[in-house]
Amino acid sequence: MQHTLVDLSKRVDTVKEENSNLRTANQILGQYIEKLMATSSIFQSSSPPQVSHQSHVPMSSSTHMDGSDSAVEGFQYEENSELASEDDIA
């Protein structure tokens, strides 16, 4: 019984560590994708911006308070972060 509890405790610790590592890798990948989308012409609007005669333009649900548009909802982007290398992801 003691060995089973010790084994379970070790397994819980291993799963917690793996979860933490995967969350970190997910954040790095999210930042990498966000930067690629921001710099790629594929994700840029091809239509010219429309001029509004209203003083207030309502923001769409995907537009952030700073006016930027993001395809990744709820993702915390670090403005001055560098792109992730393959070593950072692995």
PDB file of N, CA and C in Angstrom:
ATOM      1  N   MET A   1       0.819  -1.186   0.000  1.00  0.00           N
ATOM      2  CA  MET A   1       0.000   0.000   0.000  1.00  0.00           C
ATOM      3  C   MET A   1       0.871   1.262   0.000  1.00  0.00           C
ATOM      4  N   GLN A   2       1.940   1.271   0.800  1.00  0.00           N
ATOM      5  CA  GLN A   2       2.849   2.413   0.852  1.00  0.00           C
ATOM      6  C   GLN A   2       3.486   2.665  -0.514  1.00  0.00           C
ATOM      7  N   HIS A   3       3.897   1.592  -1.187  1.00  0.00           N
ATOM      8  CA  HIS A   3       4.540   1.735  -2.494  1.00  0.00           C
ATOM      9  C   HIS A   3       3.566   2.304  -3.520  1.00  0.00           C
ATOM     10  N   THR A   4       2.319   1.910  -3.439  1.00  0.00           N
ATOM     11  CA  THR A   4       1.301   2.414  -4.357  1.00  0.00           C
ATOM     12  C   THR A   4       1.100   3.911  -4.164  1.00  0.00           C
ATOM     13  N   LEU A   5       1.046   4.372  -2.923  1.00  0.00           N
ATOM     14  CA  LEU A   5       0.891   5.799  -2.647  1.00  0.00           C
ATOM     15  C   LEU A   5       2.100   6.595  -3.117  1.00  0.00           C
ATOM     16  N   VAL A   6       3.280   6.057  -2.903  1.00  0.00           N
ATOM     17  CA  VAL A   6       4.505   6.731  -3.351  1.00  0.00           C
ATOM     18  C   VAL A   6       4.520   6.807  -4.875  1.00  0.00           C
ATOM     19  N   ASP A   7       4.159   5.708  -5.541  1.00  0.00           N
ATOM     20  CA  ASP A   7       4.118   5.692  -7.004  1.00  0.00           C
ATOM     21  C   ASP A   7       3.099   6.697  -7.541  1.00  0.00           C
ATOM     22  N   LEU A   8       1.936   6.750  -6.909  1.00  0.00           N
ATOM     23  CA  LEU A   8       0.913   7.707  -7.333  1.00  0.00           C
ATOM     24  C   LEU A   8       1.377   9.146  -7.122  1.00  0.00           C
ATOM     25  N   SER A   9       2.032   9.393  -6.015  1.00  0.00           N
ATOM     26  CA  SER A   9       2.547  10.730  -5.729  1.00  0.00           C
ATOM     27  C   SER A   9       3.583  11.148  -6.772  1.00  0.00           C
ATOM     28  N   LYS A  10       4.466  10.229  -7.125  1.00  0.00           N
ATOM     29  CA  LYS A  10       5.474  10.517  -8.154  1.00  0.00           C
ATOM     30  C   LYS A  10       4.807  10.786  -9.499  1.00  0.00           C
ATOM     31  N   ARG A  11       3.782  10.004  -9.809  1.00  0.00           N
ATOM     32  CA  ARG A  11       3.073  10.180 -11.083  1.00  0.00           C
ATOM     33  C   ARG A  11       2.384  11.541 -11.134  1.00  0.00           C
ATOM     34  N   VAL A  12       1.783  11.954 -10.032  1.00  0.00           N
ATOM     35  CA  VAL A  12       1.137  13.270  -9.974  1.00  0.00           C
ATOM     36  C   VAL A  12       2.170  14.371 -10.202  1.00  0.00           C
ATOM     37  N   ASP A  13       3.328  14.254  -9.571  1.00  0.00           N
ATOM     38  CA  ASP A  13       4.388  15.245  -9.759  1.00  0.00           C
ATOM     39  C   ASP A  13       4.852  15.282 -11.209  1.00  0.00           C
ATOM     40  N   THR A  14       4.982  14.117 -11.830  1.00  0.00           N
ATOM     41  CA  THR A  14       5.407  14.032 -13.227  1.00  0.00           C
ATOM     42  C   THR A  14       4.381  14.695 -14.147  1.00  0.00           C
ATOM     43  N   VAL A  15       3.108  14.430 -13.905  1.00  0.00           N
ATOM     44  CA  VAL A  15       2.045  15.011 -14.724  1.00  0.00           C
ATOM     45  C   VAL A  15       1.997  16.529 -14.550  1.00  0.00           C
ATOM     46  N   LYS A  16       2.175  17.013 -13.323  1.00  0.00           N
ATOM     47  CA  LYS A  16       2.197  18.460 -13.083  1.00  0.00           C
ATOM     48  C   LYS A  16       3.343  19.123 -13.841  1.00  0.00           C
ATOM     49  N   GLU A  17       4.519  18.504 -13.805  1.00  0.00           N
ATOM     50  CA  GLU A  17       5.678  19.057 -14.504  1.00  0.00           C
ATOM     51  C   GLU A  17       5.451  19.047 -16.018  1.00  0.00           C
ATOM     52  N   GLU A  18       4.914  17.959 -16.528  1.00  0.00           N
ATOM     53  CA  GLU A  18       4.637  17.867 -17.964  1.00  0.00           C
ATOM     54  C   GLU A  18       3.600  18.912 -18.379  1.00  0.00           C
ATOM     55  N   ASN A  19       2.587  19.105 -17.566  1.00  0.00           N
ATOM     56  CA  ASN A  19       1.567  20.111 -17.837  1.00  0.00           C
ATOM     57  C   ASN A  19       2.190  21.507 -17.901  1.00  0.00           C
ATOM     58  N   SER A  20       3.064  21.811 -16.967  1.00  0.00           N
ATOM     59  CA  SER A  20       3.735  23.105 -16.951  1.00  0.00           C
ATOM     60  C   SER A  20       4.583  23.299 -18.207  1.00  0.00           C
ATOM     61  N   ASN A  21       5.325  22.261 -18.586  1.00  0.00           N
ATOM     62  CA  ASN A  21       6.159  22.344 -19.787  1.00  0.00           C
ATOM     63  C   ASN A  21       5.315  22.542 -21.040  1.00  0.00           C
ATOM     64  N   LEU A  22       4.195  21.844 -21.134  1.00  0.00           N
ATOM     65  CA  LEU A  22       3.321  21.977 -22.299  1.00  0.00           C
ATOM     66  C   LEU A  22       2.673  23.357 -22.355  1.00  0.00           C
ATOM     67  N   ARG A  23       2.305  23.903 -21.207  1.00  0.00           N
ATOM     68  CA  ARG A  23       1.735  25.256 -21.187  1.00  0.00           C
ATOM     69  C   ARG A  23       2.763  26.286 -21.668  1.00  0.00           C
ATOM     70  N   THR A  24       4.008  26.132 -21.238  1.00  0.00           N
ATOM     71  CA  THR A  24       5.064  27.036 -21.673  1.00  0.00           C
ATOM     72  C   THR A  24       5.277  26.926 -23.177  1.00  0.00           C
ATOM     73  N   ALA A  25       5.353  25.705 -23.681  1.00  0.00           N
ATOM     74  CA  ALA A  25       5.527  25.492 -25.122  1.00  0.00           C
ATOM     75  C   ALA A  25       4.340  26.064 -25.890  1.00  0.00           C
ATOM     76  N   ASN A  26       3.149  25.930 -25.351  1.00  0.00           N
ATOM     77  CA  ASN A  26       1.956  26.464 -25.997  1.00  0.00           C
ATOM     78  C   ASN A  26       2.009  27.988 -26.071  1.00  0.00           C
ATOM     79  N   GLN A  27       2.478  28.630 -25.014  1.00  0.00           N
ATOM     80  CA  GLN A  27       2.617  30.088 -25.021  1.00  0.00           C
ATOM     81  C   GLN A  27       3.611  30.530 -26.084  1.00  0.00           C
ATOM     82  N   ILE A  28       4.738  29.844 -26.168  1.00  0.00           N
ATOM     83  CA  ILE A  28       5.764  30.184 -27.153  1.00  0.00           C
ATOM     84  C   ILE A  28       5.206  30.021 -28.563  1.00  0.00           C
ATOM     85  N   LEU A  29       4.524  28.914 -28.808  1.00  0.00           N
ATOM     86  CA  LEU A  29       3.930  28.692 -30.128  1.00  0.00           C
ATOM     87  C   LEU A  29       2.864  29.740 -30.439  1.00  0.00           C
ATOM     88  N   GLY A  30       2.073  30.099 -29.453  1.00  0.00           N
ATOM     89  CA  GLY A  30       1.054  31.124 -29.650  1.00  0.00           C
ATOM     90  C   GLY A  30       1.663  32.461 -30.032  1.00  0.00           C
ATOM     91  N   GLN A  31       2.744  32.849 -29.360  1.00  0.00           N
ATOM     92  CA  GLN A  31       3.428  34.101 -29.688  1.00  0.00           C
ATOM     93  C   GLN A  31       4.027  34.038 -31.084  1.00  0.00           C
ATOM     94  N   TYR A  32       4.604  32.907 -31.429  1.00  0.00           N
ATOM     95  CA  TYR A  32       5.203  32.714 -32.748  1.00  0.00           C
ATOM     96  C   TYR A  32       4.134  32.845 -33.837  1.00  0.00           C
ATOM     97  N   ILE A  33       3.002  32.195 -33.649  1.00  0.00           N
ATOM     98  CA  ILE A  33       1.917  32.258 -34.626  1.00  0.00           C
ATOM     99  C   ILE A  33       1.364  33.673 -34.720  1.00  0.00           C
ATOM    100  N   GLU A  34       1.198  34.325 -33.591  1.00  0.00           N
ATOM    101  CA  GLU A  34       0.693  35.700 -33.568  1.00  0.00           C
ATOM    102  C   GLU A  34       1.611  36.629 -34.362  1.00  0.00           C
ATOM    103  N   LYS A  35       2.921  36.512 -34.164  1.00  0.00           N
ATOM    104  CA  LYS A  35       3.866  37.351 -34.906  1.00  0.00           C
ATOM    105  C   LYS A  35       3.846  37.026 -36.390  1.00  0.00           C
ATOM    106  N   LEU A  36       3.771  35.743 -36.738  1.00  0.00           N
ATOM    107  CA  LEU A  36       3.697  35.374 -38.151  1.00  0.00           C
ATOM    108  C   LEU A  36       2.447  35.957 -38.798  1.00  0.00           C
ATOM    109  N   MET A  37       1.337  35.884 -38.103  1.00  0.00           N
ATOM    110  CA  MET A  37       0.094  36.429 -38.646  1.00  0.00           C
ATOM    111  C   MET A  37       0.183  37.947 -38.800  1.00  0.00           C
ATOM    112  N   ALA A  38       0.837  38.602 -37.873  1.00  0.00           N
ATOM    113  CA  ALA A  38       0.955  40.060 -37.927  1.00  0.00           C
ATOM    114  C   ALA A  38       1.866  40.508 -39.063  1.00  0.00           C
ATOM    115  N   THR A  39       2.880  39.715 -39.384  1.00  0.00           N
ATOM    116  CA  THR A  39       3.843  40.119 -40.406  1.00  0.00           C
ATOM    117  C   THR A  39       3.542  39.548 -41.782  1.00  0.00           C
ATOM    118  N   SER A  40       2.672  38.566 -41.881  1.00  0.00           N
ATOM    119  CA  SER A  40       2.379  37.918 -43.158  1.00  0.00           C
ATOM    120  C   SER A  40       1.303  38.679 -43.917  1.00  0.00           C
ATOM    121  N   SER A  41       1.520  38.851 -45.212  1.00  0.00           N
ATOM    122  CA  SER A  41       0.531  39.543 -46.038  1.00  0.00           C
ATOM    123  C   SER A  41      -0.719  38.697 -46.241  1.00  0.00           C
ATOM    124  N   ILE A  42      -0.642  37.413 -46.017  1.00  0.00           N
ATOM    125  CA  ILE A  42      -1.796  36.529 -46.186  1.00  0.00           C
ATOM    126  C   ILE A  42      -2.916  36.919 -45.222  1.00  0.00           C
ATOM    127  N   PHE A  43      -2.554  37.345 -44.031  1.00  0.00           N
ATOM    128  CA  PHE A  43      -3.546  37.662 -43.013  1.00  0.00           C
ATOM    129  C   PHE A  43      -3.927  39.141 -42.993  1.00  0.00           C
ATOM    130  N   GLN A  44      -3.364  39.927 -43.899  1.00  0.00           N
ATOM    131  CA  GLN A  44      -3.692  41.345 -43.971  1.00  0.00           C
ATOM    132  C   GLN A  44      -4.914  41.536 -44.860  1.00  0.00           C
ATOM    133  N   SER A  45      -5.687  42.557 -44.603  1.00  0.00           N
ATOM    134  CA  SER A  45      -6.869  42.848 -45.399  1.00  0.00           C
ATOM    135  C   SER A  45      -6.449  43.296 -46.789  1.00  0.00           C
ATOM    136  N   SER A  46      -7.098  42.768 -47.824  1.00  0.00           N
ATOM    137  CA  SER A  46      -6.761  43.146 -49.191  1.00  0.00           C
ATOM    138  C   SER A  46      -7.612  44.307 -49.675  1.00  0.00           C
ATOM    139  N   SER A  47      -8.665  44.643 -48.960  1.00  0.00           N
ATOM    140  CA  SER A  47      -9.507  45.763 -49.359  1.00  0.00           C
ATOM    141  C   SER A  47      -9.000  47.037 -48.696  1.00  0.00           C
ATOM    142  N   PRO A  48      -9.135  48.170 -49.390  1.00  0.00           N
ATOM    143  CA  PRO A  48      -8.680  49.427 -48.778  1.00  0.00           C
ATOM    144  C   PRO A  48      -9.562  49.771 -47.591  1.00  0.00           C
ATOM    145  N   PRO A  49      -9.002  50.439 -46.598  1.00  0.00           N
ATOM    146  CA  PRO A  49      -9.802  50.808 -45.426  1.00  0.00           C
ATOM    147  C   PRO A  49     -10.922  51.760 -45.829  1.00  0.00           C
ATOM    148  N   GLN A  50     -12.091  51.557 -45.278  1.00  0.00           N
ATOM    149  CA  GLN A  50     -13.227  52.412 -45.593  1.00  0.00           C
ATOM    150  C   GLN A  50     -13.210  53.628 -44.685  1.00  0.00           C
ATOM    151  N   VAL A  51     -13.507  54.773 -45.274  1.00  0.00           N
ATOM    152  CA  VAL A  51     -13.534  56.021 -44.527  1.00  0.00           C
ATOM    153  C   VAL A  51     -14.921  56.173 -43.923  1.00  0.00           C
ATOM    154  N   SER A  52     -14.955  56.403 -42.647  1.00  0.00           N
ATOM    155  CA  SER A  52     -16.222  56.560 -41.948  1.00  0.00           C
ATOM    156  C   SER A  52     -16.457  58.033 -41.667  1.00  0.00           C
ATOM    157  N   HIS A  53     -17.707  58.459 -41.831  1.00  0.00           N
ATOM    158  CA  HIS A  53     -18.051  59.845 -41.536  1.00  0.00           C
ATOM    159  C   HIS A  53     -18.475  60.016 -40.090  1.00  0.00           C
ATOM    160  N   GLN A  54     -18.497  58.907 -39.360  1.00  0.00           N
ATOM    161  CA  GLN A  54     -18.851  58.967 -37.947  1.00  0.00           C
ATOM    162  C   GLN A  54     -17.597  59.232 -37.131  1.00  0.00           C
ATOM    163  N   SER A  55     -17.766  59.891 -36.001  1.00  0.00           N
ATOM    164  CA  SER A  55     -16.610  60.140 -35.146  1.00  0.00           C
ATOM    165  C   SER A  55     -16.241  58.918 -34.329  1.00  0.00           C
ATOM    166  N   HIS A  56     -17.189  57.998 -34.166  1.00  0.00           N
ATOM    167  CA  HIS A  56     -16.924  56.795 -33.375  1.00  0.00           C
ATOM    168  C   HIS A  56     -17.198  55.573 -34.234  1.00  0.00           C
ATOM    169  N   VAL A  57     -16.197  54.708 -34.335  1.00  0.00           N
ATOM    170  CA  VAL A  57     -16.352  53.472 -35.087  1.00  0.00           C
ATOM    171  C   VAL A  57     -16.444  52.343 -34.082  1.00  0.00           C
ATOM    172  N   PRO A  58     -17.550  51.592 -34.076  1.00  0.00           N
ATOM    173  CA  PRO A  58     -17.661  50.487 -33.117  1.00  0.00           C
ATOM    174  C   PRO A  58     -16.642  49.401 -33.409  1.00  0.00           C
ATOM    175  N   MET A  59     -16.108  48.829 -32.330  1.00  0.00           N
ATOM    176  CA  MET A  59     -15.120  47.771 -32.498  1.00  0.00           C
ATOM    177  C   MET A  59     -15.835  46.445 -32.657  1.00  0.00           C
ATOM    178  N   SER A  60     -15.293  45.602 -33.540  1.00  0.00           N
ATOM    179  CA  SER A  60     -15.854  44.261 -33.688  1.00  0.00           C
ATOM    180  C   SER A  60     -15.459  43.429 -32.478  1.00  0.00           C
ATOM    181  N   SER A  61     -16.065  42.258 -32.355  1.00  0.00           N
ATOM    182  CA  SER A  61     -15.781  41.409 -31.197  1.00  0.00           C
ATOM    183  C   SER A  61     -14.350  40.905 -31.196  1.00  0.00           C
ATOM    184  N   SER A  62     -13.683  40.896 -32.369  1.00  0.00           N
ATOM    185  CA  SER A  62     -12.306  40.412 -32.408  1.00  0.00           C
ATOM    186  C   SER A  62     -11.297  41.548 -32.347  1.00  0.00           C
ATOM    187  N   THR A  63     -11.756  42.787 -32.228  1.00  0.00           N
ATOM    188  CA  THR A  63     -10.847  43.919 -32.153  1.00  0.00           C
ATOM    189  C   THR A  63     -10.552  44.223 -30.691  1.00  0.00           C
ATOM    190  N   HIS A  64      -9.286  44.424 -30.380  1.00  0.00           N
ATOM    191  CA  HIS A  64      -8.870  44.698 -29.007  1.00  0.00           C
ATOM    192  C   HIS A  64      -8.993  46.186 -28.709  1.00  0.00           C
ATOM    193  N   MET A  65      -8.855  46.523 -27.453  1.00  0.00           N
ATOM    194  CA  MET A  65      -8.975  47.908 -27.019  1.00  0.00           C
ATOM    195  C   MET A  65      -7.965  48.817 -27.704  1.00  0.00           C
ATOM    196  N   ASP A  66      -6.808  48.288 -28.085  1.00  0.00           N
ATOM    197  CA  ASP A  66      -5.800  49.112 -28.740  1.00  0.00           C
ATOM    198  C   ASP A  66      -6.052  49.219 -30.242  1.00  0.00           C
ATOM    199  N   GLY A  67      -7.143  48.614 -30.742  1.00  0.00           N
ATOM    200  CA  GLY A  67      -7.483  48.703 -32.147  1.00  0.00           C
ATOM    201  C   GLY A  67      -6.914  47.586 -32.991  1.00  0.00           C
ATOM    202  N   SER A  68      -6.068  46.754 -32.426  1.00  0.00           N
ATOM    203  CA  SER A  68      -5.487  45.663 -33.202  1.00  0.00           C
ATOM    204  C   SER A  68      -6.487  44.531 -33.315  1.00  0.00           C
ATOM    205  N   ASP A  69      -6.400  43.812 -34.412  1.00  0.00           N
ATOM    206  CA  ASP A  69      -7.311  42.701 -34.660  1.00  0.00           C
ATOM    207  C   ASP A  69      -6.548  41.418 -34.420  1.00  0.00           C
ATOM    208  N   SER A  70      -7.127  40.479 -33.721  1.00  0.00           N
ATOM    209  CA  SER A  70      -6.423  39.242 -33.402  1.00  0.00           C
ATOM    210  C   SER A  70      -7.293  38.048 -33.698  1.00  0.00           C
ATOM    211  N   ALA A  71      -6.695  37.024 -34.337  1.00  0.00           N
ATOM    212  CA  ALA A  71      -7.418  35.788 -34.612  1.00  0.00           C
ATOM    213  C   ALA A  71      -7.361  34.848 -33.415  1.00  0.00           C
ATOM    214  N   VAL A  72      -6.502  35.148 -32.469  1.00  0.00           N
ATOM    215  CA  VAL A  72      -6.354  34.287 -31.295  1.00  0.00           C
ATOM    216  C   VAL A  72      -6.998  35.002 -30.117  1.00  0.00           C
ATOM    217  N   GLU A  73      -8.189  34.554 -29.733  1.00  0.00           N
ATOM    218  CA  GLU A  73      -8.914  35.191 -28.644  1.00  0.00           C
ATOM    219  C   GLU A  73      -8.325  34.797 -27.298  1.00  0.00           C
ATOM    220  N   GLY A  74      -8.182  35.737 -26.404  1.00  0.00           N
ATOM    221  CA  GLY A  74      -7.753  35.449 -25.046  1.00  0.00           C
ATOM    222  C   GLY A  74      -6.279  35.145 -24.895  1.00  0.00           C
ATOM    223  N   PHE A  75      -5.489  35.376 -25.907  1.00  0.00           N
ATOM    224  CA  PHE A  75      -4.062  35.066 -25.844  1.00  0.00           C
ATOM    225  C   PHE A  75      -3.302  36.295 -25.386  1.00  0.00           C
ATOM    226  N   GLN A  76      -2.482  36.149 -24.372  1.00  0.00           N
ATOM    227  CA  GLN A  76      -1.669  37.250 -23.875  1.00  0.00           C
ATOM    228  C   GLN A  76      -0.402  37.348 -24.710  1.00  0.00           C
ATOM    229  N   TYR A  77      -0.280  38.365 -25.507  1.00  0.00           N
ATOM    230  CA  TYR A  77       0.851  38.547 -26.405  1.00  0.00           C
ATOM    231  C   TYR A  77       1.867  39.480 -25.768  1.00  0.00           C
ATOM    232  N   GLU A  78       3.124  39.085 -25.804  1.00  0.00           N
ATOM    233  CA  GLU A  78       4.191  39.931 -25.284  1.00  0.00           C
ATOM    234  C   GLU A  78       4.735  40.756 -26.434  1.00  0.00           C
ATOM    235  N   GLU A  79       4.562  42.065 -26.361  1.00  0.00           N
ATOM    236  CA  GLU A  79       4.852  42.967 -27.462  1.00  0.00           C
ATOM    237  C   GLU A  79       6.297  42.899 -27.953  1.00  0.00           C
ATOM    238  N   ASN A  80       7.267  42.864 -27.064  1.00  0.00           N
ATOM    239  CA  ASN A  80       8.669  42.917 -27.473  1.00  0.00           C
ATOM    240  C   ASN A  80       9.354  41.566 -27.460  1.00  0.00           C
ATOM    241  N   SER A  81       8.594  40.488 -27.486  1.00  0.00           N
ATOM    242  CA  SER A  81       9.208  39.162 -27.452  1.00  0.00           C
ATOM    243  C   SER A  81       9.761  38.803 -28.822  1.00  0.00           C
ATOM    244  N   GLU A  82      10.783  37.969 -28.818  1.00  0.00           N
ATOM    245  CA  GLU A  82      11.395  37.500 -30.056  1.00  0.00           C
ATOM    246  C   GLU A  82      10.650  36.274 -30.548  1.00  0.00           C
ATOM    247  N   LEU A  83      10.811  35.968 -31.838  1.00  0.00           N
ATOM    248  CA  LEU A  83      10.229  34.740 -32.366  1.00  0.00           C
ATOM    249  C   LEU A  83      10.894  33.550 -31.710  1.00  0.00           C
ATOM    250  N   ALA A  84      10.153  32.509 -31.502  1.00  0.00           N
ATOM    251  CA  ALA A  84      10.683  31.303 -30.866  1.00  0.00           C
ATOM    252  C   ALA A  84      11.490  30.499 -31.872  1.00  0.00           C
ATOM    253  N   SER A  85      12.597  29.963 -31.425  1.00  0.00           N
ATOM    254  CA  SER A  85      13.384  29.075 -32.273  1.00  0.00           C
ATOM    255  C   SER A  85      12.904  27.650 -32.063  1.00  0.00           C
ATOM    256  N   GLU A  86      13.354  26.753 -32.923  1.00  0.00           N
ATOM    257  CA  GLU A  86      12.972  25.352 -32.771  1.00  0.00           C
ATOM    258  C   GLU A  86      13.470  24.799 -31.436  1.00  0.00           C
ATOM    259  N   ASP A  87      14.614  25.283 -30.949  1.00  0.00           N
ATOM    260  CA  ASP A  87      15.149  24.826 -29.664  1.00  0.00           C
ATOM    261  C   ASP A  87      14.231  25.226 -28.514  1.00  0.00           C
ATOM    262  N   ASP A  88      13.609  26.417 -28.609  1.00  0.00           N
ATOM    263  CA  ASP A  88      12.698  26.869 -27.565  1.00  0.00           C
ATOM    264  C   ASP A  88      11.453  26.003 -27.509  1.00  0.00           C
ATOM    265  N   ILE A  89      11.027  25.518 -28.652  1.00  0.00           N
ATOM    266  CA  ILE A  89       9.789  24.751 -28.738  1.00  0.00           C
ATOM    267  C   ILE A  89       9.999  23.313 -28.313  1.00  0.00           C
ATOM    268  N   ALA A  90      11.155  22.746 -28.616  1.00  0.00           N
ATOM    269  CA  ALA A  90      11.408  21.325 -28.328  1.00  0.00           C
ATOM    270  C   ALA A  90      11.608  21.053 -26.867  1.00  0.00           C
TER     271      ALA A  90
END
